[in-house]
Amino acid sequence: MGKLEIAHSILIKGQDFESCSQQVRRFFDRTMLIRYDEVAVMADESLNGAEDGFWAGIRDGLAANRKVLEGFLENLKSEGYSSLDDLRHLEKGYLSKVLHIIAHLQDGFIGIDSRFYNLEEDSHGISRELQQKVGVSPGNYWLISVKGKIAATSEDPLDAMRTFEGRGKEPG
């Protein structure tokens, strides 16, 4: 049995790496949107706003989010759903779940498909206002690299993602 690892870059404001790491861990402990068996903060891959590579890391994360979104949109298009009117005929199942994920990527709910997540604004993007704030006080912002790990229950690590019963709960 293997582990499924999901990488996220989390933008957060804080005094130092340690306090930001704690905030990120607390967020993952409390969110009901994603459940990992383990959340590993990758100190060597995390960046302070004053460090070289910080903005490139944000740009890369935003590009990765766009790529994920474009893939899901292409998936719907390839199945014949290319306009809003087409969605009236979308039945429950895989494609409705794809549409649900698209909505989450647009509205700011974090999910396993989120590569960059702005915890300050609960968003998959970064507003012009926040960009300006980071520009004024870059040392107060961090891009925390996280790997969420889920233990697979079978030979296929994706099986860990195929349940809606809730992770870590005892059967009733």
N, C-alpha and C. Protein backbone atom coordinates (compact mmCIF):
# COMPACT_ATOMS: atom_id res chain seq x y z
N MET A 1 0.84 -1.17 0.00
CA MET A 1 0.00 0.00 0.00
C MET A 1 0.88 1.23 0.00
N GLY A 2 0.46 2.24 -0.75
CA GLY A 2 1.25 3.45 -0.87
C GLY A 2 0.58 4.63 -0.22
N LYS A 3 1.18 5.78 -0.46
CA LYS A 3 0.62 7.03 0.03
C LYS A 3 0.42 7.95 -1.15
N LEU A 4 -0.68 8.66 -1.11
CA LEU A 4 -0.95 9.69 -2.09
C LEU A 4 -0.48 11.00 -1.49
N GLU A 5 0.35 11.75 -2.22
CA GLU A 5 0.84 13.04 -1.74
C GLU A 5 0.31 14.15 -2.63
N ILE A 6 -0.21 15.18 -1.99
CA ILE A 6 -0.76 16.34 -2.68
C ILE A 6 0.02 17.56 -2.21
N ALA A 7 0.55 18.34 -3.18
CA ALA A 7 1.35 19.52 -2.85
C ALA A 7 0.50 20.79 -2.93
N HIS A 8 0.69 21.67 -1.95
CA HIS A 8 0.04 22.97 -1.93
C HIS A 8 1.07 24.03 -1.56
N SER A 9 0.91 25.23 -2.10
CA SER A 9 1.65 26.40 -1.65
C SER A 9 0.63 27.34 -1.03
N ILE A 10 0.84 27.67 0.23
CA ILE A 10 -0.13 28.46 0.99
C ILE A 10 0.44 29.83 1.31
N LEU A 11 -0.24 30.88 0.85
CA LEU A 11 0.16 32.26 1.16
C LEU A 11 -0.48 32.65 2.49
N ILE A 12 0.36 33.16 3.38
CA ILE A 12 -0.13 33.51 4.71
C ILE A 12 0.70 34.66 5.28
N LYS A 13 0.08 35.43 6.15
CA LYS A 13 0.76 36.53 6.83
C LYS A 13 1.12 36.10 8.24
N GLY A 14 2.33 36.46 8.67
CA GLY A 14 2.73 36.13 10.03
C GLY A 14 4.11 36.66 10.34
N GLN A 15 4.46 36.59 11.62
CA GLN A 15 5.73 37.14 12.09
C GLN A 15 6.93 36.35 11.59
N ASP A 16 6.78 35.02 11.58
CA ASP A 16 7.93 34.19 11.22
C ASP A 16 7.45 32.87 10.65
N PHE A 17 8.40 32.08 10.17
CA PHE A 17 8.07 30.80 9.55
C PHE A 17 7.32 29.89 10.51
N GLU A 18 7.78 29.81 11.74
CA GLU A 18 7.18 28.89 12.71
C GLU A 18 5.72 29.23 12.98
N SER A 19 5.41 30.50 13.22
CA SER A 19 4.02 30.86 13.50
C SER A 19 3.14 30.65 12.27
N CYS A 20 3.67 30.92 11.08
CA CYS A 20 2.91 30.69 9.85
C CYS A 20 2.67 29.20 9.63
N SER A 21 3.70 28.39 9.91
CA SER A 21 3.55 26.93 9.79
C SER A 21 2.46 26.43 10.72
N GLN A 22 2.43 26.95 11.94
CA GLN A 22 1.40 26.54 12.90
C GLN A 22 0.00 26.94 12.42
N GLN A 23 -0.11 28.13 11.84
CA GLN A 23 -1.41 28.58 11.31
C GLN A 23 -1.87 27.66 10.18
N VAL A 24 -0.93 27.29 9.32
CA VAL A 24 -1.27 26.42 8.19
C VAL A 24 -1.68 25.04 8.70
N ARG A 25 -0.95 24.50 9.65
CA ARG A 25 -1.31 23.19 10.22
C ARG A 25 -2.70 23.25 10.87
N ARG A 26 -2.95 24.33 11.62
CA ARG A 26 -4.25 24.50 12.27
C ARG A 26 -5.37 24.57 11.21
N PHE A 27 -5.10 25.28 10.12
CA PHE A 27 -6.09 25.36 9.04
C PHE A 27 -6.43 23.97 8.50
N PHE A 28 -5.40 23.18 8.21
CA PHE A 28 -5.65 21.84 7.68
C PHE A 28 -6.30 20.93 8.72
N ASP A 29 -5.99 21.13 9.99
CA ASP A 29 -6.64 20.34 11.05
C ASP A 29 -8.12 20.66 11.15
N ARG A 30 -8.49 21.90 10.87
CA ARG A 30 -9.86 22.34 11.11
C ARG A 30 -10.76 22.33 9.88
N THR A 31 -10.17 22.43 8.69
CA THR A 31 -11.03 22.49 7.51
C THR A 31 -11.74 21.16 7.30
N MET A 32 -12.98 21.24 6.88
CA MET A 32 -13.73 20.03 6.58
C MET A 32 -13.67 19.70 5.10
N LEU A 33 -12.98 20.52 4.32
CA LEU A 33 -12.94 20.33 2.87
C LEU A 33 -11.90 19.31 2.42
N ILE A 34 -10.83 19.16 3.19
CA ILE A 34 -9.79 18.18 2.86
C ILE A 34 -9.38 17.49 4.14
N ARG A 35 -9.18 16.21 4.07
CA ARG A 35 -8.69 15.45 5.22
C ARG A 35 -7.45 14.67 4.80
N TYR A 36 -6.34 15.02 5.41
CA TYR A 36 -5.10 14.29 5.18
C TYR A 36 -4.75 13.50 6.43
N ASP A 37 -4.09 12.37 6.23
CA ASP A 37 -3.58 11.60 7.36
C ASP A 37 -2.39 12.31 7.99
N GLU A 38 -1.68 13.05 7.15
CA GLU A 38 -0.50 13.78 7.62
C GLU A 38 -0.34 15.04 6.78
N VAL A 39 0.02 16.13 7.43
CA VAL A 39 0.34 17.38 6.74
C VAL A 39 1.79 17.70 7.05
N ALA A 40 2.62 17.68 6.03
CA ALA A 40 4.05 17.97 6.21
C ALA A 40 4.36 19.35 5.65
N VAL A 41 4.85 20.22 6.51
CA VAL A 41 5.29 21.54 6.09
C VAL A 41 6.74 21.39 5.61
N MET A 42 7.00 21.82 4.40
CA MET A 42 8.30 21.66 3.78
C MET A 42 9.11 22.95 3.97
N ALA A 43 9.85 23.02 5.04
CA ALA A 43 10.59 24.23 5.39
C ALA A 43 11.56 24.65 4.29
N ASP A 44 12.24 23.69 3.70
CA ASP A 44 13.24 24.01 2.68
C ASP A 44 12.63 24.48 1.36
N GLU A 45 11.31 24.30 1.18
CA GLU A 45 10.63 24.74 -0.04
C GLU A 45 9.76 25.97 0.21
N SER A 46 9.66 26.41 1.46
CA SER A 46 8.85 27.57 1.82
C SER A 46 9.66 28.84 1.66
N LEU A 47 8.98 29.95 1.38
CA LEU A 47 9.67 31.21 1.10
C LEU A 47 9.04 32.38 1.84
N ASN A 48 9.88 33.25 2.34
CA ASN A 48 9.45 34.51 2.91
C ASN A 48 9.28 35.51 1.76
N GLY A 49 8.38 36.46 1.94
CA GLY A 49 8.11 37.46 0.91
C GLY A 49 9.31 38.29 0.52
N ALA A 50 10.32 38.37 1.37
CA ALA A 50 11.52 39.15 1.07
C ALA A 50 12.57 38.32 0.32
N GLU A 51 12.33 37.02 0.16
CA GLU A 51 13.30 36.15 -0.51
C GLU A 51 13.10 36.11 -2.01
N ASP A 52 14.22 35.91 -2.72
CA ASP A 52 14.14 35.68 -4.16
C ASP A 52 13.30 34.43 -4.39
N GLY A 53 12.50 34.46 -5.39
CA GLY A 53 11.68 33.32 -5.73
C GLY A 53 10.28 33.35 -5.17
N PHE A 54 10.01 34.26 -4.23
CA PHE A 54 8.68 34.34 -3.62
C PHE A 54 7.60 34.60 -4.68
N TRP A 55 7.77 35.66 -5.46
CA TRP A 55 6.76 36.00 -6.47
C TRP A 55 6.71 34.97 -7.58
N ALA A 56 7.86 34.39 -7.91
CA ALA A 56 7.88 33.31 -8.92
C ALA A 56 7.09 32.11 -8.40
N GLY A 57 7.21 31.83 -7.10
CA GLY A 57 6.45 30.74 -6.50
C GLY A 57 4.95 30.99 -6.56
N ILE A 58 4.55 32.22 -6.34
CA ILE A 58 3.13 32.57 -6.46
C ILE A 58 2.68 32.44 -7.91
N ARG A 59 3.47 32.98 -8.84
CA ARG A 59 3.12 32.86 -10.27
C ARG A 59 3.01 31.40 -10.69
N ASP A 60 3.94 30.57 -10.24
CA ASP A 60 3.90 29.14 -10.58
C ASP A 60 2.65 28.49 -10.01
N GLY A 61 2.30 28.84 -8.78
CA GLY A 61 1.10 28.28 -8.16
C GLY A 61 -0.17 28.70 -8.87
N LEU A 62 -0.23 29.98 -9.24
CA LEU A 62 -1.40 30.47 -9.98
C LEU A 62 -1.51 29.78 -11.33
N ALA A 63 -0.37 29.59 -12.00
CA ALA A 63 -0.36 28.91 -13.30
C ALA A 63 -0.80 27.46 -13.14
N ALA A 64 -0.36 26.82 -12.08
CA ALA A 64 -0.77 25.43 -11.82
C ALA A 64 -2.27 25.35 -11.57
N ASN A 65 -2.82 26.31 -10.83
CA ASN A 65 -4.27 26.34 -10.62
C ASN A 65 -5.01 26.51 -11.94
N ARG A 66 -4.51 27.41 -12.80
CA ARG A 66 -5.15 27.62 -14.11
C ARG A 66 -5.10 26.35 -14.95
N LYS A 67 -3.99 25.65 -14.90
CA LYS A 67 -3.84 24.42 -15.66
C LYS A 67 -4.84 23.36 -15.18
N VAL A 68 -5.00 23.23 -13.88
CA VAL A 68 -5.98 22.29 -13.32
C VAL A 68 -7.38 22.68 -13.78
N LEU A 69 -7.71 23.96 -13.66
CA LEU A 69 -9.03 24.45 -14.07
C LEU A 69 -9.28 24.20 -15.55
N GLU A 70 -8.29 24.52 -16.38
CA GLU A 70 -8.43 24.31 -17.83
C GLU A 70 -8.64 22.83 -18.16
N GLY A 71 -7.96 21.95 -17.41
CA GLY A 71 -8.13 20.52 -17.62
C GLY A 71 -9.56 20.07 -17.33
N PHE A 72 -10.12 20.57 -16.23
CA PHE A 72 -11.50 20.22 -15.89
C PHE A 72 -12.49 20.79 -16.91
N LEU A 73 -12.25 22.04 -17.34
CA LEU A 73 -13.13 22.63 -18.35
C LEU A 73 -13.05 21.85 -19.67
N GLU A 74 -11.86 21.44 -20.04
CA GLU A 74 -11.68 20.64 -21.26
C GLU A 74 -12.41 19.30 -21.13
N ASN A 75 -12.38 18.74 -19.94
CA ASN A 75 -13.08 17.49 -19.69
C ASN A 75 -14.57 17.65 -19.97
N LEU A 76 -15.17 18.74 -19.46
CA LEU A 76 -16.59 18.98 -19.73
C LEU A 76 -16.86 19.20 -21.21
N LYS A 77 -15.99 20.00 -21.85
CA LYS A 77 -16.16 20.27 -23.28
C LYS A 77 -16.09 19.00 -24.10
N SER A 78 -15.16 18.12 -23.76
CA SER A 78 -15.01 16.88 -24.54
C SER A 78 -16.22 15.97 -24.40
N GLU A 79 -17.02 16.18 -23.36
CA GLU A 79 -18.25 15.41 -23.15
C GLU A 79 -19.47 16.13 -23.71
N GLY A 80 -19.25 17.28 -24.37
CA GLY A 80 -20.35 17.98 -25.04
C GLY A 80 -20.97 19.12 -24.25
N TYR A 81 -20.35 19.52 -23.16
CA TYR A 81 -20.88 20.62 -22.34
C TYR A 81 -20.01 21.85 -22.57
N SER A 82 -20.43 22.69 -23.52
CA SER A 82 -19.60 23.84 -23.85
C SER A 82 -20.29 25.17 -23.56
N SER A 83 -21.54 25.15 -23.15
CA SER A 83 -22.22 26.39 -22.80
C SER A 83 -22.99 26.20 -21.50
N LEU A 84 -23.38 27.32 -20.90
CA LEU A 84 -24.15 27.25 -19.66
C LEU A 84 -25.48 26.52 -19.88
N ASP A 85 -26.09 26.72 -21.04
CA ASP A 85 -27.36 26.03 -21.33
C ASP A 85 -27.18 24.51 -21.32
N ASP A 86 -26.02 24.04 -21.76
CA ASP A 86 -25.77 22.60 -21.77
C ASP A 86 -25.80 22.00 -20.36
N LEU A 87 -25.44 22.81 -19.38
CA LEU A 87 -25.34 22.30 -18.01
C LEU A 87 -26.69 21.91 -17.42
N ARG A 88 -27.78 22.40 -18.03
CA ARG A 88 -29.12 22.01 -17.56
C ARG A 88 -29.33 20.51 -17.66
N HIS A 89 -28.61 19.89 -18.56
CA HIS A 89 -28.80 18.46 -18.83
C HIS A 89 -27.72 17.60 -18.18
N LEU A 90 -26.90 18.21 -17.35
CA LEU A 90 -25.82 17.50 -16.68
C LEU A 90 -26.41 16.62 -15.57
N GLU A 91 -26.20 15.33 -15.68
CA GLU A 91 -26.73 14.41 -14.68
C GLU A 91 -25.73 14.22 -13.55
N LYS A 92 -26.23 13.74 -12.42
CA LYS A 92 -25.35 13.43 -11.29
C LYS A 92 -24.36 12.37 -11.71
N GLY A 93 -23.16 12.50 -11.19
CA GLY A 93 -22.12 11.53 -11.50
C GLY A 93 -20.78 12.22 -11.67
N TYR A 94 -19.90 11.58 -12.39
CA TYR A 94 -18.55 12.09 -12.55
C TYR A 94 -18.51 13.54 -13.06
N LEU A 95 -19.27 13.84 -14.12
CA LEU A 95 -19.20 15.18 -14.71
C LEU A 95 -19.78 16.25 -13.78
N SER A 96 -20.81 15.91 -13.02
CA SER A 96 -21.33 16.90 -12.07
C SER A 96 -20.31 17.17 -10.96
N LYS A 97 -19.52 16.15 -10.63
CA LYS A 97 -18.45 16.34 -9.65
C LYS A 97 -17.34 17.22 -10.23
N VAL A 98 -17.06 17.07 -11.50
CA VAL A 98 -16.08 17.94 -12.18
C VAL A 98 -16.55 19.39 -12.11
N LEU A 99 -17.83 19.62 -12.40
CA LEU A 99 -18.38 20.97 -12.32
C LEU A 99 -18.29 21.51 -10.89
N HIS A 100 -18.52 20.66 -9.92
CA HIS A 100 -18.42 21.05 -8.52
C HIS A 100 -16.98 21.49 -8.18
N ILE A 101 -16.01 20.75 -8.65
CA ILE A 101 -14.60 21.10 -8.41
C ILE A 101 -14.28 22.43 -9.07
N ILE A 102 -14.77 22.64 -10.29
CA ILE A 102 -14.56 23.92 -10.99
C ILE A 102 -15.10 25.07 -10.14
N ALA A 103 -16.30 24.88 -9.60
CA ALA A 103 -16.90 25.93 -8.76
C ALA A 103 -16.03 26.21 -7.54
N HIS A 104 -15.50 25.17 -6.92
CA HIS A 104 -14.63 25.36 -5.76
C HIS A 104 -13.36 26.12 -6.14
N LEU A 105 -12.79 25.81 -7.28
CA LEU A 105 -11.58 26.52 -7.72
C LEU A 105 -11.88 27.99 -8.00
N GLN A 106 -13.09 28.30 -8.40
CA GLN A 106 -13.46 29.67 -8.68
C GLN A 106 -13.87 30.44 -7.42
N ASP A 107 -14.50 29.73 -6.47
CA ASP A 107 -15.05 30.46 -5.32
C ASP A 107 -14.15 30.50 -4.09
N GLY A 108 -13.05 29.79 -4.12
CA GLY A 108 -12.09 29.92 -3.04
C GLY A 108 -12.10 28.82 -2.00
N PHE A 109 -12.87 27.76 -2.19
CA PHE A 109 -12.80 26.64 -1.27
C PHE A 109 -11.61 25.77 -1.63
N ILE A 110 -10.73 25.53 -0.67
CA ILE A 110 -9.56 24.71 -0.94
C ILE A 110 -9.97 23.26 -1.18
N GLY A 111 -9.23 22.61 -2.04
CA GLY A 111 -9.46 21.19 -2.33
C GLY A 111 -8.14 20.53 -2.68
N ILE A 112 -8.19 19.24 -2.93
CA ILE A 112 -6.95 18.55 -3.27
C ILE A 112 -6.38 19.03 -4.59
N ASP A 113 -7.19 19.66 -5.41
CA ASP A 113 -6.73 20.17 -6.70
C ASP A 113 -6.13 21.57 -6.60
N SER A 114 -6.19 22.19 -5.44
CA SER A 114 -5.63 23.53 -5.23
C SER A 114 -4.12 23.42 -5.14
N ARG A 115 -3.42 24.05 -6.04
CA ARG A 115 -1.95 24.04 -5.97
C ARG A 115 -1.46 25.26 -5.20
N PHE A 116 -2.06 26.42 -5.46
CA PHE A 116 -1.78 27.64 -4.71
C PHE A 116 -3.06 28.02 -3.99
N TYR A 117 -2.92 28.36 -2.71
CA TYR A 117 -4.07 28.81 -1.95
C TYR A 117 -3.68 29.99 -1.10
N ASN A 118 -4.44 31.05 -1.20
CA ASN A 118 -4.22 32.29 -0.48
C ASN A 118 -5.08 32.25 0.78
N LEU A 119 -4.48 31.87 1.88
CA LEU A 119 -5.22 31.74 3.13
C LEU A 119 -5.66 33.10 3.67
N GLU A 120 -4.97 34.16 3.31
CA GLU A 120 -5.34 35.51 3.76
C GLU A 120 -6.67 35.95 3.19
N GLU A 121 -6.95 35.57 1.96
CA GLU A 121 -8.18 36.01 1.29
C GLU A 121 -9.11 34.84 0.96
N ASP A 122 -8.80 33.65 1.47
CA ASP A 122 -9.58 32.45 1.14
C ASP A 122 -9.85 32.39 -0.36
N SER A 123 -8.75 32.31 -1.11
CA SER A 123 -8.85 32.45 -2.55
C SER A 123 -7.78 31.61 -3.25
N HIS A 124 -8.04 31.30 -4.50
CA HIS A 124 -7.04 30.65 -5.35
C HIS A 124 -6.26 31.68 -6.16
N GLY A 125 -6.50 32.94 -5.90
CA GLY A 125 -5.79 34.04 -6.56
C GLY A 125 -5.22 34.97 -5.50
N ILE A 126 -4.78 36.13 -5.96
CA ILE A 126 -4.26 37.14 -5.03
C ILE A 126 -4.68 38.51 -5.56
N SER A 127 -5.39 39.26 -4.73
CA SER A 127 -5.92 40.56 -5.15
C SER A 127 -4.79 41.56 -5.33
N ARG A 128 -5.07 42.60 -6.09
CA ARG A 128 -4.11 43.68 -6.28
C ARG A 128 -3.79 44.35 -4.94
N GLU A 129 -4.81 44.49 -4.10
CA GLU A 129 -4.62 45.10 -2.78
C GLU A 129 -3.63 44.29 -1.94
N LEU A 130 -3.80 42.97 -1.93
CA LEU A 130 -2.88 42.15 -1.14
C LEU A 130 -1.47 42.16 -1.76
N GLN A 131 -1.39 42.19 -3.07
CA GLN A 131 -0.08 42.29 -3.71
C GLN A 131 0.65 43.55 -3.23
N GLN A 132 -0.11 44.64 -3.12
CA GLN A 132 0.49 45.89 -2.66
C GLN A 132 0.93 45.78 -1.20
N LYS A 133 0.12 45.15 -0.37
CA LYS A 133 0.49 44.97 1.03
C LYS A 133 1.77 44.14 1.16
N VAL A 134 1.87 43.09 0.37
CA VAL A 134 3.07 42.26 0.39
C VAL A 134 4.27 43.09 -0.08
N GLY A 135 4.05 43.93 -1.08
CA GLY A 135 5.12 44.79 -1.58
C GLY A 135 5.65 45.76 -0.53
N VAL A 136 4.76 46.25 0.32
CA VAL A 136 5.14 47.21 1.37
C VAL A 136 5.83 46.49 2.54
N SER A 137 5.35 45.31 2.90
CA SER A 137 5.90 44.57 4.05
C SER A 137 6.17 43.11 3.67
N PRO A 138 7.09 42.86 2.75
CA PRO A 138 7.29 41.49 2.26
C PRO A 138 7.71 40.51 3.36
N GLY A 139 8.42 40.97 4.36
CA GLY A 139 8.87 40.08 5.43
C GLY A 139 7.75 39.52 6.28
N ASN A 140 6.55 40.10 6.16
CA ASN A 140 5.40 39.64 6.93
C ASN A 140 4.58 38.56 6.23
N TYR A 141 5.01 38.15 5.04
CA TYR A 141 4.23 37.18 4.27
C TYR A 141 5.10 35.98 3.93
N TRP A 142 4.47 34.85 3.88
CA TRP A 142 5.15 33.59 3.63
C TRP A 142 4.39 32.76 2.62
N LEU A 143 5.12 32.04 1.83
CA LEU A 143 4.57 31.04 0.93
C LEU A 143 5.01 29.70 1.51
N ILE A 144 4.09 29.06 2.21
CA ILE A 144 4.40 27.83 2.93
C ILE A 144 4.10 26.63 2.03
N SER A 145 5.11 25.82 1.81
CA SER A 145 4.97 24.62 1.00
C SER A 145 4.51 23.47 1.89
N VAL A 146 3.45 22.80 1.45
CA VAL A 146 2.83 21.74 2.23
C VAL A 146 2.64 20.51 1.36
N LYS A 147 2.83 19.35 1.97
CA LYS A 147 2.47 18.09 1.32
C LYS A 147 1.46 17.40 2.21
N GLY A 148 0.27 17.20 1.66
CA GLY A 148 -0.75 16.44 2.36
C GLY A 148 -0.61 14.99 1.95
N LYS A 149 -0.65 14.10 2.93
CA LYS A 149 -0.45 12.68 2.66
C LYS A 149 -1.68 11.89 3.10
N ILE A 150 -2.08 10.98 2.22
CA ILE A 150 -3.21 10.11 2.50
C ILE A 150 -2.75 8.68 2.29
N ALA A 151 -2.92 7.85 3.30
CA ALA A 151 -2.55 6.44 3.18
C ALA A 151 -3.58 5.73 2.32
N ALA A 152 -3.10 5.01 1.32
CA ALA A 152 -3.99 4.25 0.45
C ALA A 152 -4.43 2.98 1.17
N THR A 153 -5.67 2.59 0.95
CA THR A 153 -6.19 1.38 1.58
C THR A 153 -6.05 0.17 0.66
N SER A 154 -5.52 0.40 -0.55
CA SER A 154 -5.34 -0.70 -1.50
C SER A 154 -4.09 -0.42 -2.31
N GLU A 155 -3.88 -1.19 -3.34
CA GLU A 155 -2.72 -1.01 -4.21
C GLU A 155 -2.81 0.30 -4.99
N ASP A 156 -4.02 0.79 -5.23
CA ASP A 156 -4.23 2.02 -5.99
C ASP A 156 -4.36 3.20 -5.03
N PRO A 157 -3.35 4.10 -4.98
CA PRO A 157 -3.42 5.21 -4.03
C PRO A 157 -4.63 6.11 -4.24
N LEU A 158 -5.18 6.14 -5.45
CA LEU A 158 -6.35 6.99 -5.70
C LEU A 158 -7.60 6.48 -4.99
N ASP A 159 -7.58 5.22 -4.57
CA ASP A 159 -8.72 4.72 -3.80
C ASP A 159 -8.95 5.53 -2.54
N ALA A 160 -7.89 6.12 -2.00
CA ALA A 160 -8.02 6.96 -0.80
C ALA A 160 -8.89 8.16 -1.06
N MET A 161 -9.01 8.58 -2.31
CA MET A 161 -9.81 9.76 -2.66
C MET A 161 -11.24 9.40 -3.04
N ARG A 162 -11.55 8.14 -3.16
CA ARG A 162 -12.83 7.71 -3.71
C ARG A 162 -13.89 7.42 -2.66
N THR A 163 -13.79 7.98 -1.50
CA THR A 163 -14.79 7.73 -0.48
C THR A 163 -15.39 9.04 0.02
N PHE A 164 -16.66 8.99 0.31
CA PHE A 164 -17.33 10.16 0.89
C PHE A 164 -17.71 9.85 2.34
N GLU A 165 -17.17 8.78 2.89
CA GLU A 165 -17.53 8.37 4.24
C GLU A 165 -16.78 9.15 5.30
N GLY A 166 -15.78 9.89 4.93
CA GLY A 166 -15.02 10.67 5.90
C GLY A 166 -13.80 9.93 6.37
N ARG A 167 -12.69 10.59 6.35
CA ARG A 167 -11.42 9.99 6.74
C ARG A 167 -11.25 10.08 8.24
N GLY A 168 -10.70 9.03 8.81
CA GLY A 168 -10.35 9.07 10.23
C GLY A 168 -11.52 8.86 11.17
N LYS A 169 -12.68 8.53 10.62
CA LYS A 169 -13.84 8.31 11.49
C LYS A 169 -14.06 6.81 11.66
N GLU A 170 -14.44 6.44 12.87
CA GLU A 170 -14.77 5.05 13.14
C GLU A 170 -16.14 4.73 12.54
N PRO A 171 -16.30 3.53 11.96
CA PRO A 171 -17.61 3.17 11.43
C PRO A 171 -18.65 3.15 12.55
N GLY A 172 -19.84 3.64 12.22
CA GLY A 172 -20.91 3.77 13.21
C GLY A 172 -21.53 2.52 13.50
